[in-house]
C-alpha atoms as a PDB file:
ATOM      1  CA  MET A   1       1.211  50.226  58.275  1.00  0.00           C
ATOM      2  CA  ASP A   2       3.267  48.120  56.034  1.00  0.00           C
ATOM      3  CA  ARG A   3       5.190  45.551  58.090  1.00  0.00           C
ATOM      4  CA  LEU A   4       8.118  45.346  55.633  1.00  0.00           C
ATOM      5  CA  THR A   5       8.550  49.039  55.615  1.00  0.00           C
ATOM      6  CA  SER A   6       8.422  49.227  59.398  1.00  0.00           C
ATOM      7  CA  MET A   7      11.066  46.614  59.576  1.00  0.00           C
ATOM      8  CA  ALA A   8      13.349  48.654  57.199  1.00  0.00           C
ATOM      9  CA  VAL A   9      12.780  51.689  59.468  1.00  0.00           C
ATOM     10  CA  PHE A  10      13.646  49.723  62.520  1.00  0.00           C
ATOM     11  CA  VAL A  11      16.820  48.339  61.115  1.00  0.00           C
ATOM     12  CA  LYS A  12      17.877  51.752  59.930  1.00  0.00           C
ATOM     13  CA  ALA A  13      17.311  53.291  63.448  1.00  0.00           C
ATOM     14  CA  VAL A  14      19.458  50.592  64.903  1.00  0.00           C
ATOM     15  CA  ASP A  15      22.218  50.800  62.355  1.00  0.00           C
ATOM     16  CA  LEU A  16      22.501  54.695  62.596  1.00  0.00           C
ATOM     17  CA  GLY A  17      21.935  54.685  66.444  1.00  0.00           C
ATOM     18  CA  SER A  18      19.023  57.166  66.561  1.00  0.00           C
ATOM     19  CA  PHE A  19      15.562  57.924  65.343  1.00  0.00           C
ATOM     20  CA  ALA A  20      16.804  61.295  64.105  1.00  0.00           C
ATOM     21  CA  ALA A  21      19.459  59.838  62.010  1.00  0.00           C
ATOM     22  CA  ALA A  22      17.108  57.171  60.566  1.00  0.00           C
ATOM     23  CA  ALA A  23      14.587  59.970  59.800  1.00  0.00           C
ATOM     24  CA  ALA A  24      17.172  62.084  57.975  1.00  0.00           C
ATOM     25  CA  ALA A  25      18.329  59.098  55.945  1.00  0.00           C
ATOM     26  CA  LEU A  26      14.992  57.824  55.027  1.00  0.00           C
ATOM     27  CA  GLY A  27      13.363  61.187  54.395  1.00  0.00           C
ATOM     28  CA  LEU A  28      10.874  60.724  57.248  1.00  0.00           C
ATOM     29  CA  SER A  29       9.906  62.903  60.180  1.00  0.00           C
ATOM     30  CA  GLY A  30      11.209  61.750  63.712  1.00  0.00           C
ATOM     31  CA  PRO A  31       7.686  61.076  65.085  1.00  0.00           C
ATOM     32  CA  MET A  32       6.998  58.939  61.845  1.00  0.00           C
ATOM     33  CA  VAL A  33      10.107  56.801  62.710  1.00  0.00           C
ATOM     34  CA  GLY A  34       8.873  56.329  66.244  1.00  0.00           C
ATOM     35  CA  LYS A  35       5.481  55.440  64.807  1.00  0.00           C
ATOM     36  CA  HIS A  36       6.966  52.610  62.871  1.00  0.00           C
ATOM     37  CA  ILE A  37       8.789  51.280  65.801  1.00  0.00           C
ATOM     38  CA  ARG A  38       5.659  51.351  67.986  1.00  0.00           C
ATOM     39  CA  PHE A  39       3.736  49.634  65.298  1.00  0.00           C
ATOM     40  CA  LEU A  40       6.130  46.657  65.331  1.00  0.00           C
ATOM     41  CA  GLU A  41       6.170  46.601  69.209  1.00  0.00           C
ATOM     42  CA  GLU A  42       2.422  46.579  69.406  1.00  0.00           C
ATOM     43  CA  ARG A  43       2.177  43.865  66.832  1.00  0.00           C
ATOM     44  CA  LEU A  44       4.648  41.812  68.541  1.00  0.00           C
ATOM     45  CA  GLY A  45       3.463  42.600  71.971  1.00  0.00           C
ATOM     46  CA  VAL A  46       7.117  43.125  73.188  1.00  0.00           C
ATOM     47  CA  GLY A  47       9.583  46.019  73.434  1.00  0.00           C
ATOM     48  CA  LEU A  48      12.374  46.295  70.817  1.00  0.00           C
ATOM     49  CA  ILE A  49      14.128  49.393  71.857  1.00  0.00           C
ATOM     50  CA  ASN A  50      14.808  50.957  75.469  1.00  0.00           C
ATOM     51  CA  ARG A  51      14.584  54.665  74.877  1.00  0.00           C
ATOM     52  CA  THR A  52      15.743  57.476  77.292  1.00  0.00           C
ATOM     53  CA  THR A  53      16.244  61.059  76.716  1.00  0.00           C
ATOM     54  CA  ARG A  54      19.918  60.466  76.218  1.00  0.00           C
ATOM     55  CA  ARG A  55      20.262  57.117  74.418  1.00  0.00           C
ATOM     56  CA  GLN A  56      18.646  54.089  72.947  1.00  0.00           C
ATOM     57  CA  SER A  57      19.602  50.484  73.254  1.00  0.00           C
ATOM     58  CA  LEU A  58      18.107  47.189  71.981  1.00  0.00           C
ATOM     59  CA  THR A  59      16.181  44.805  74.217  1.00  0.00           C
ATOM     60  CA  ASP A  60      17.349  41.172  74.244  1.00  0.00           C
ATOM     61  CA  PHE A  61      14.412  40.369  72.011  1.00  0.00           C
ATOM     62  CA  GLY A  62      15.031  43.506  69.979  1.00  0.00           C
ATOM     63  CA  ARG A  63      18.537  42.364  69.187  1.00  0.00           C
ATOM     64  CA  ALA A  64      17.280  38.886  68.050  1.00  0.00           C
ATOM     65  CA  TYR A  65      14.486  40.634  66.050  1.00  0.00           C
ATOM     66  CA  TYR A  66      16.930  43.010  64.410  1.00  0.00           C
ATOM     67  CA  GLU A  67      19.071  40.087  62.987  1.00  0.00           C
ATOM     68  CA  ARG A  68      16.038  38.378  61.544  1.00  0.00           C
ATOM     69  CA  CYS A  69      14.858  41.653  60.019  1.00  0.00           C
ATOM     70  CA  ARG A  70      18.075  42.137  58.256  1.00  0.00           C
ATOM     71  CA  LEU A  71      17.859  38.722  56.709  1.00  0.00           C
ATOM     72  CA  ILE A  72      14.241  39.254  55.648  1.00  0.00           C
ATOM     73  CA  LEU A  73      15.041  42.660  53.996  1.00  0.00           C
ATOM     74  CA  ALA A  74      18.143  41.097  52.170  1.00  0.00           C
ATOM     75  CA  GLU A  75      15.939  38.330  50.728  1.00  0.00           C
ATOM     76  CA  ALA A  76      13.325  40.808  49.769  1.00  0.00           C
ATOM     77  CA  GLU A  77      15.856  42.948  47.864  1.00  0.00           C
ATOM     78  CA  ALA A  78      17.258  39.739  46.205  1.00  0.00           C
ATOM     79  CA  ALA A  79      13.677  38.861  45.193  1.00  0.00           C
ATOM     80  CA  ASP A  80      13.111  42.264  43.617  1.00  0.00           C
ATOM     81  CA  ALA A  81      16.421  42.118  41.899  1.00  0.00           C
ATOM     82  CA  LEU A  82      15.424  38.804  40.301  1.00  0.00           C
ATOM     83  CA  ALA A  83      12.469  40.453  38.640  1.00  0.00           C
ATOM     84  CA  VAL A  84      14.703  43.242  37.390  1.00  0.00           C
ATOM     85  CA  ASP A  85      17.134  40.594  35.896  1.00  0.00           C
ATOM     86  CA  HIS A  86      14.272  38.653  34.175  1.00  0.00           C
ATOM     87  CA  LEU A  87      13.344  41.806  32.209  1.00  0.00           C
ATOM     88  CA  SER A  88      16.828  43.071  31.516  1.00  0.00           C
ATOM     89  CA  GLU A  89      19.795  41.956  29.247  1.00  0.00           C
ATOM     90  CA  PRO A  90      23.028  40.710  30.730  1.00  0.00           C
ATOM     91  CA  CYS A  91      25.819  43.158  30.407  1.00  0.00           C
ATOM     92  CA  GLY A  92      29.396  43.980  31.622  1.00  0.00           C
ATOM     93  CA  LYS A  93      32.319  41.686  32.098  1.00  0.00           C
ATOM     94  CA  LEU A  94      31.966  38.051  33.139  1.00  0.00           C
ATOM     95  CA  ARG A  95      35.340  36.767  34.527  1.00  0.00           C
ATOM     96  CA  VAL A  96      35.693  33.069  34.580  1.00  0.00           C
ATOM     97  CA  THR A  97      38.627  30.834  35.457  1.00  0.00           C
ATOM     98  CA  MET A  98      38.853  27.133  34.387  1.00  0.00           C
ATOM     99  CA  PRO A  99      41.139  24.182  33.814  1.00  0.00           C
ATOM    100  CA  VAL A 100      42.999  24.435  30.485  1.00  0.00           C
ATOM    101  CA  HIS A 101      41.797  21.320  28.565  1.00  0.00           C
ATOM    102  CA  PHE A 102      38.274  21.069  30.079  1.00  0.00           C
ATOM    103  CA  GLY A 103      37.940  24.908  29.506  1.00  0.00           C
ATOM    104  CA  ARG A 104      39.127  24.978  25.952  1.00  0.00           C
ATOM    105  CA  HIS A 105      37.247  21.887  24.708  1.00  0.00           C
ATOM    106  CA  CYS A 106      34.000  22.110  26.678  1.00  0.00           C
ATOM    107  CA  VAL A 107      33.406  25.441  28.586  1.00  0.00           C
ATOM    108  CA  LEU A 108      34.664  27.838  25.962  1.00  0.00           C
ATOM    109  CA  PRO A 109      32.259  26.804  23.241  1.00  0.00           C
ATOM    110  CA  VAL A 110      29.261  27.283  25.606  1.00  0.00           C
ATOM    111  CA  LEU A 111      30.369  30.739  26.941  1.00  0.00           C
ATOM    112  CA  THR A 112      31.195  32.073  23.392  1.00  0.00           C
ATOM    113  CA  GLU A 113      27.843  30.956  22.330  1.00  0.00           C
ATOM    114  CA  LEU A 114      26.265  32.812  25.263  1.00  0.00           C
ATOM    115  CA  ALA A 115      28.169  35.929  24.297  1.00  0.00           C
ATOM    116  CA  LYS A 116      26.825  35.858  20.837  1.00  0.00           C
ATOM    117  CA  ARG A 117      23.315  35.819  22.006  1.00  0.00           C
ATOM    118  CA  HIS A 118      24.022  38.675  24.443  1.00  0.00           C
ATOM    119  CA  PRO A 119      26.042  41.409  22.722  1.00  0.00           C
ATOM    120  CA  LYS A 120      26.375  43.481  25.829  1.00  0.00           C
ATOM    121  CA  LEU A 121      28.150  40.665  27.719  1.00  0.00           C
ATOM    122  CA  ASP A 122      32.033  40.681  27.598  1.00  0.00           C
ATOM    123  CA  LEU A 123      34.002  37.649  28.526  1.00  0.00           C
ATOM    124  CA  ASP A 124      37.357  37.684  30.411  1.00  0.00           C
ATOM    125  CA  LEU A 125      38.455  33.943  30.586  1.00  0.00           C
ATOM    126  CA  SER A 126      41.447  32.533  32.262  1.00  0.00           C
ATOM    127  CA  LEU A 127      42.506  29.036  31.349  1.00  0.00           C
ATOM    128  CA  GLY A 128      44.874  27.451  33.832  1.00  0.00           C
ATOM    129  CA  ASP A 129      45.151  24.355  35.961  1.00  0.00           C
ATOM    130  CA  PRO A 130      46.371  25.842  39.298  1.00  0.00           C
ATOM    131  CA  ILE A 131      43.354  26.802  41.467  1.00  0.00           C
ATOM    132  CA  THR A 132      42.790  30.428  41.821  1.00  0.00           C
ATOM    133  CA  ASP A 133      40.925  32.111  44.697  1.00  0.00           C
ATOM    134  CA  LEU A 134      37.816  33.661  43.402  1.00  0.00           C
ATOM    135  CA  ALA A 135      37.986  36.783  45.812  1.00  0.00           C
ATOM    136  CA  GLU A 136      41.604  37.423  45.306  1.00  0.00           C
ATOM    137  CA  GLY A 137      41.551  37.025  41.566  1.00  0.00           C
ATOM    138  CA  GLY A 138      38.344  39.076  41.132  1.00  0.00           C
ATOM    139  CA  TYR A 139      36.467  36.229  39.393  1.00  0.00           C
ATOM    140  CA  ASP A 140      32.739  35.914  39.101  1.00  0.00           C
ATOM    141  CA  LEU A 141      32.855  32.261  38.339  1.00  0.00           C
ATOM    142  CA  ALA A 142      35.268  29.249  38.705  1.00  0.00           C
ATOM    143  CA  ILE A 143      34.905  25.839  36.875  1.00  0.00           C
ATOM    144  CA  ARG A 144      36.511  22.917  38.696  1.00  0.00           C
ATOM    145  CA  THR A 145      36.762  19.190  38.079  1.00  0.00           C
ATOM    146  CA  GLY A 146      37.160  16.564  40.632  1.00  0.00           C
ATOM    147  CA  GLU A 147      36.755  16.592  44.360  1.00  0.00           C
ATOM    148  CA  LEU A 148      35.986  19.833  46.128  1.00  0.00           C
ATOM    149  CA  LYS A 149      37.163  21.127  49.440  1.00  0.00           C
ATOM    150  CA  ASP A 150      34.507  22.288  51.853  1.00  0.00           C
ATOM    151  CA  ARG A 151      34.275  25.952  51.733  1.00  0.00           C
ATOM    152  CA  SER A 152      31.574  27.900  53.502  1.00  0.00           C
ATOM    153  CA  ASP A 153      32.098  31.091  51.524  1.00  0.00           C
ATOM    154  CA  LEU A 154      31.393  29.323  48.207  1.00  0.00           C
ATOM    155  CA  ILE A 155      28.416  27.996  46.366  1.00  0.00           C
ATOM    156  CA  ALA A 156      28.861  25.026  44.111  1.00  0.00           C
ATOM    157  CA  ARG A 157      26.667  23.438  41.336  1.00  0.00           C
ATOM    158  CA  ARG A 158      27.339  20.294  39.666  1.00  0.00           C
ATOM    159  CA  LEU A 159      27.320  20.858  35.898  1.00  0.00           C
ATOM    160  CA  ALA A 160      28.261  17.561  34.519  1.00  0.00           C
ATOM    161  CA  ARG A 161      30.274  14.162  35.092  1.00  0.00           C
ATOM    162  CA  GLN A 162      33.227  13.103  33.103  1.00  0.00           C
ATOM    163  CA  ARG A 163      33.600   9.614  32.079  1.00  0.00           C
ATOM    164  CA  MET A 164      37.119   8.289  32.858  1.00  0.00           C
ATOM    165  CA  VAL A 165      38.151   5.478  30.430  1.00  0.00           C
ATOM    166  CA  VAL A 166      41.319   3.454  29.798  1.00  0.00           C
ATOM    167  CA  CYS A 167      42.487   3.594  26.303  1.00  0.00           C
ATOM    168  CA  ALA A 168      45.439   2.550  24.027  1.00  0.00           C
ATOM    169  CA  SER A 169      46.307   2.486  20.368  1.00  0.00           C
ATOM    170  CA  PRO A 170      45.410  -0.529  18.071  1.00  0.00           C
ATOM    171  CA  ASN A 171      49.123  -0.977  17.410  1.00  0.00           C
ATOM    172  CA  TYR A 172      50.140  -1.023  21.145  1.00  0.00           C
ATOM    173  CA  LEU A 173      47.331  -3.677  21.626  1.00  0.00           C
ATOM    174  CA  ASP A 174      48.590  -5.861  18.872  1.00  0.00           C
ATOM    175  CA  MET A 175      52.081  -5.772  20.186  1.00  0.00           C
ATOM    176  CA  HIS A 176      51.370  -6.160  23.910  1.00  0.00           C
ATOM    177  CA  GLY A 177      47.810  -7.745  24.231  1.00  0.00           C
ATOM    178  CA  ARG A 178      44.676  -6.358  25.367  1.00  0.00           C
ATOM    179  CA  PRO A 179      43.874  -6.014  29.165  1.00  0.00           C
ATOM    180  CA  ASP A 180      40.505  -7.636  29.918  1.00  0.00           C
ATOM    181  CA  ARG A 181      40.508  -6.930  33.691  1.00  0.00           C
ATOM    182  CA  ILE A 182      41.721  -4.176  36.126  1.00  0.00           C
ATOM    183  CA  GLU A 183      44.282  -6.637  37.355  1.00  0.00           C
ATOM    184  CA  ASP A 184      45.902  -6.725  33.962  1.00  0.00           C
ATOM    185  CA  ILE A 185      46.687  -3.092  33.918  1.00  0.00           C
ATOM    186  CA  GLY A 186      49.917  -3.873  35.913  1.00  0.00           C
ATOM    187  CA  ARG A 187      51.336  -5.928  33.115  1.00  0.00           C
ATOM    188  CA  HIS A 188      51.210  -3.070  30.730  1.00  0.00           C
ATOM    189  CA  LYS A 189      53.032   0.120  30.385  1.00  0.00           C
ATOM    190  CA  ALA A 190      51.150   3.326  31.155  1.00  0.00           C
ATOM    191  CA  ILE A 191      51.163   7.012  30.426  1.00  0.00           C
ATOM    192  CA  ILE A 192      50.599   9.070  33.540  1.00  0.00           C
ATOM    193  CA  TYR A 193      49.169  12.507  34.299  1.00  0.00           C
ATOM    194  CA  ALA A 194      51.502  13.957  36.818  1.00  0.00           C
ATOM    195  CA  ARG A 195      51.971  17.519  38.267  1.00  0.00           C
ATOM    196  CA  SER A 196      54.862  18.581  40.587  1.00  0.00           C
ATOM    197  CA  ALA A 197      56.145  14.966  40.810  1.00  0.00           C
ATOM    198  CA  ARG A 198      52.758  13.782  42.097  1.00  0.00           C
ATOM    199  CA  PHE A 199      50.290  11.788  40.232  1.00  0.00           C
ATOM    200  CA  ARG A 200      46.600  10.688  40.865  1.00  0.00           C
ATOM    201  CA  PRO A 201      45.899   7.052  41.003  1.00  0.00           C
ATOM    202  CA  TRP A 202      43.483   5.688  38.243  1.00  0.00           C
ATOM    203  CA  LEU A 203      39.989   5.190  39.939  1.00  0.00           C
ATOM    204  CA  PHE A 204      37.600   2.382  39.348  1.00  0.00           C
ATOM    205  CA  PRO A 205      34.068   2.163  40.982  1.00  0.00           C
ATOM    206  CA  CYS A 206      33.475  -0.682  43.394  1.00  0.00           C
ATOM    207  CA  GLY A 207      29.819  -0.457  44.178  1.00  0.00           C
ATOM    208  CA  ASP A 208      29.055   1.081  47.556  1.00  0.00           C
ATOM    209  CA  ALA A 209      32.752   0.718  48.519  1.00  0.00           C
ATOM    210  CA  PRO A 210      35.340   3.527  48.024  1.00  0.00           C
ATOM    211  CA  PRO A 211      36.762   3.283  44.357  1.00  0.00           C
ATOM    212  CA  LEU A 212      39.701   1.009  43.701  1.00  0.00           C
ATOM    213  CA  GLU A 213      42.912   2.872  43.321  1.00  0.00           C
ATOM    214  CA  VAL A 214      45.475   1.631  40.665  1.00  0.00           C
ATOM    215  CA  ARG A 215      48.932   3.019  40.289  1.00  0.00           C
ATOM    216  CA  PRO A 216      50.301   1.631  37.025  1.00  0.00           C
ATOM    217  CA  ASN A 217      53.853   1.242  36.161  1.00  0.00           C
ATOM    218  CA  SER A 218      55.099   4.102  33.978  1.00  0.00           C
ATOM    219  CA  ARG A 219      58.079   5.163  32.049  1.00  0.00           C
ATOM    220  CA  LEU A 220      56.195   8.417  30.713  1.00  0.00           C
ATOM    221  CA  ARG A 221      54.764  11.090  32.928  1.00  0.00           C
ATOM    222  CA  LEU A 222      53.088  14.417  31.521  1.00  0.00           C
ATOM    223  CA  ASP A 223      51.319  17.249  32.763  1.00  0.00           C
ATOM    224  CA  ASP A 224      49.135  17.794  29.652  1.00  0.00           C
ATOM    225  CA  LEU A 225      46.142  15.746  28.969  1.00  0.00           C
ATOM    226  CA  ASP A 226      46.281  16.252  25.210  1.00  0.00           C
ATOM    227  CA  ALA A 227      49.974  15.316  25.144  1.00  0.00           C
ATOM    228  CA  ILE A 228      48.975  12.079  26.982  1.00  0.00           C
ATOM    229  CA  ALA A 229      46.302  11.254  24.432  1.00  0.00           C
ATOM    230  CA  ASP A 230      48.866  11.940  21.659  1.00  0.00           C
ATOM    231  CA  ALA A 231      51.384   9.553  23.363  1.00  0.00           C
ATOM    232  CA  ALA A 232      48.850   6.899  23.699  1.00  0.00           C
ATOM    233  CA  ALA A 233      47.946   7.195  19.949  1.00  0.00           C
ATOM    234  CA  ALA A 234      51.720   6.902  19.257  1.00  0.00           C
ATOM    235  CA  ASP A 235      51.775   3.343  20.825  1.00  0.00           C
ATOM    236  CA  MET A 236      53.386   4.363  24.024  1.00  0.00           C
ATOM    237  CA  GLY A 237      51.131   2.563  26.373  1.00  0.00           C
ATOM    238  CA  LEU A 238      47.687   2.704  28.186  1.00  0.00           C
ATOM    239  CA  ALA A 239      46.048   5.929  29.318  1.00  0.00           C
ATOM    240  CA  TRP A 240      43.381   6.972  31.645  1.00  0.00           C
ATOM    241  CA  LEU A 241      41.523   9.816  30.250  1.00  0.00           C
ATOM    242  CA  PRO A 242      38.159  11.666  30.110  1.00  0.00           C
ATOM    243  CA  TYR A 243      36.163  10.297  27.208  1.00  0.00           C
ATOM    244  CA  TRP A 244      35.240  13.740  25.742  1.00  0.00           C
ATOM    245  CA  LEU A 245      39.048  14.323  25.260  1.00  0.00           C
ATOM    246  CA  ILE A 246      39.589  11.187  23.088  1.00  0.00           C
ATOM    247  CA  ARG A 247      36.297  10.914  21.372  1.00  0.00           C
ATOM    248  CA  ASP A 248      37.663  12.235  18.066  1.00  0.00           C
ATOM    249  CA  ARG A 249      40.709   9.831  18.228  1.00  0.00           C
ATOM    250  CA  VAL A 250      38.350   6.929  18.926  1.00  0.00           C
ATOM    251  CA  GLN A 251      36.157   7.717  16.088  1.00  0.00           C
ATOM    252  CA  ALA A 252      39.264   8.039  13.736  1.00  0.00           C
ATOM    253  CA  GLY A 253      40.524   4.599  14.948  1.00  0.00           C
ATOM    254  CA  THR A 254      43.808   5.836  16.519  1.00  0.00           C
ATOM    255  CA  LEU A 255      42.577   4.870  20.013  1.00  0.00           C
ATOM    256  CA  GLU A 256      40.380   2.276  21.407  1.00  0.00           C
ATOM    257  CA  VAL A 257      38.476   2.154  24.739  1.00  0.00           C
ATOM    258  CA  LEU A 258      39.314  -0.797  26.973  1.00  0.00           C
ATOM    259  CA  LEU A 259      37.640  -2.666  29.771  1.00  0.00           C
ATOM    260  CA  PRO A 260      34.091  -2.271  28.464  1.00  0.00           C
ATOM    261  CA  GLU A 261      32.688  -4.331  31.232  1.00  0.00           C
ATOM    262  CA  GLN A 262      34.085  -2.199  33.886  1.00  0.00           C
ATOM    263  CA  PRO A 263      31.941   0.640  35.112  1.00  0.00           C
ATOM    264  CA  GLU A 264      33.712   4.056  34.421  1.00  0.00           C
ATOM    265  CA  PHE A 265      34.792   6.444  37.188  1.00  0.00           C
ATOM    266  CA  LEU A 266      32.661   9.681  36.992  1.00  0.00           C
ATOM    267  CA  TYR A 267      34.713  12.957  37.715  1.00  0.00           C
ATOM    268  CA  ASP A 268      32.316  15.727  38.665  1.00  0.00           C
ATOM    269  CA  CYS A 269      32.587  19.176  37.117  1.00  0.00           C
ATOM    270  CA  HIS A 270      31.257  22.074  39.340  1.00  0.00           C
ATOM    271  CA  ALA A 271      30.584  25.818  38.834  1.00  0.00           C
ATOM    272  CA  LEU A 272      31.660  27.807  42.039  1.00  0.00           C
ATOM    273  CA  TRP A 273      30.880  31.349  42.895  1.00  0.00           C
ATOM    274  CA  LEU A 274      31.094  33.537  46.054  1.00  0.00           C
ATOM    275  CA  GLN A 275      28.166  33.380  48.386  1.00  0.00           C
ATOM    276  CA  THR A 276      25.953  36.328  47.875  1.00  0.00           C
ATOM    277  CA  PRO A 277      22.261  37.101  48.569  1.00  0.00           C
ATOM    278  CA  HIS A 278      21.744  37.820  44.874  1.00  0.00           C
ATOM    279  CA  LEU A 279      23.528  36.074  42.005  1.00  0.00           C
ATOM    280  CA  PRO A 280      24.124  38.548  39.195  1.00  0.00           C
ATOM    281  CA  LEU A 281      22.210  37.839  35.928  1.00  0.00           C
ATOM    282  CA  LYS A 282      25.417  37.301  33.954  1.00  0.00           C
ATOM    283  CA  VAL A 283      26.592  34.634  36.303  1.00  0.00           C
ATOM    284  CA  ARG A 284      23.168  32.842  36.533  1.00  0.00           C
ATOM    285  CA  LEU A 285      22.854  32.700  32.813  1.00  0.00           C
ATOM    286  CA  ALA A 286      26.426  31.282  32.463  1.00  0.00           C
ATOM    287  CA  VAL A 287      25.779  28.619  34.977  1.00  0.00           C
ATOM    288  CA  ASP A 288      22.527  27.686  33.565  1.00  0.00           C
ATOM    289  CA  ALA A 289      24.051  27.563  29.942  1.00  0.00           C
ATOM    290  CA  LEU A 290      26.866  25.332  31.175  1.00  0.00           C
ATOM    291  CA  ALA A 291      24.593  22.966  33.166  1.00  0.00           C
ATOM    292  CA  THR A 292      22.439  22.583  30.064  1.00  0.00           C
ATOM    293  CA  ALA A 293      25.197  22.009  27.534  1.00  0.00           C
ATOM    294  CA  LEU A 294      28.034  20.278  29.384  1.00  0.00           C
ATOM    295  CA  PRO A 295      26.384  16.830  29.842  1.00  0.00           C
ATOM    296  CA  GLY A 296      26.114  16.558  26.094  1.00  0.00           C
ATOM    297  CA  PHE A 297      29.863  16.929  25.792  1.00  0.00           C
ATOM    298  CA  MET A 298      30.359  14.039  28.084  1.00  0.00           C
ATOM    299  CA  THR A 299      28.607  11.331  25.999  1.00  0.00           C
END
């Protein structure tokens, strides 16, 4: 007899509480259900179910074996689903939540290109900086930047690393001088990203030690990265921003990258999804597309 089929019959008999119920659910005869269970017991050399005329109950070994069989059957179904996915076309709605600026500039172009290649795939994209719960929001995928909290119910895959750089306008540097070292930042005005009256320090790698935290003096705080880049280009001070955001301004000459000898801090970008035995094709293709394309946006 086929061992995997016998495992499936055994699990169904346990789940439904009787051989008769399992037989009816599987379209088998009662004796055939018993034959599958005996096949497993004889192969294993140990009893799985204590049976009387009135009731059945799992042996101690049978209880442990049942849990293992459930896992094995779930993995087998997931493997079969992968084969189906390989031959099928992604379809339906893909719901993704992402940070505003990273989403607009980096994630959106990748996902729209994916949708062009797969006409049956619909996109439902939410751009917002507040972190949204995937299960409560009904999202298939979340894109997050920075440090992640440890969550046992989520799977995370790193997609790219953002280069964080200090920048300023040429006019500002002409008026106030150019910082050559991290220590020089304290002598300059800075434009700070802040949300809810709290702002993150600027981080600089220090080899194997934790990164150096710098909290520069500031007269201007904003909760919008594009606005910070605009303020820096308008001669308002130093800014600490991801390079992908200011690349065009650097190429146009309105901003300059400073501290070229200082290693850049790398902010991770991750894709997160709820833990599941089988990742839907539409989600898997989206994650693969982002992992392939996003590193190119970071250079």
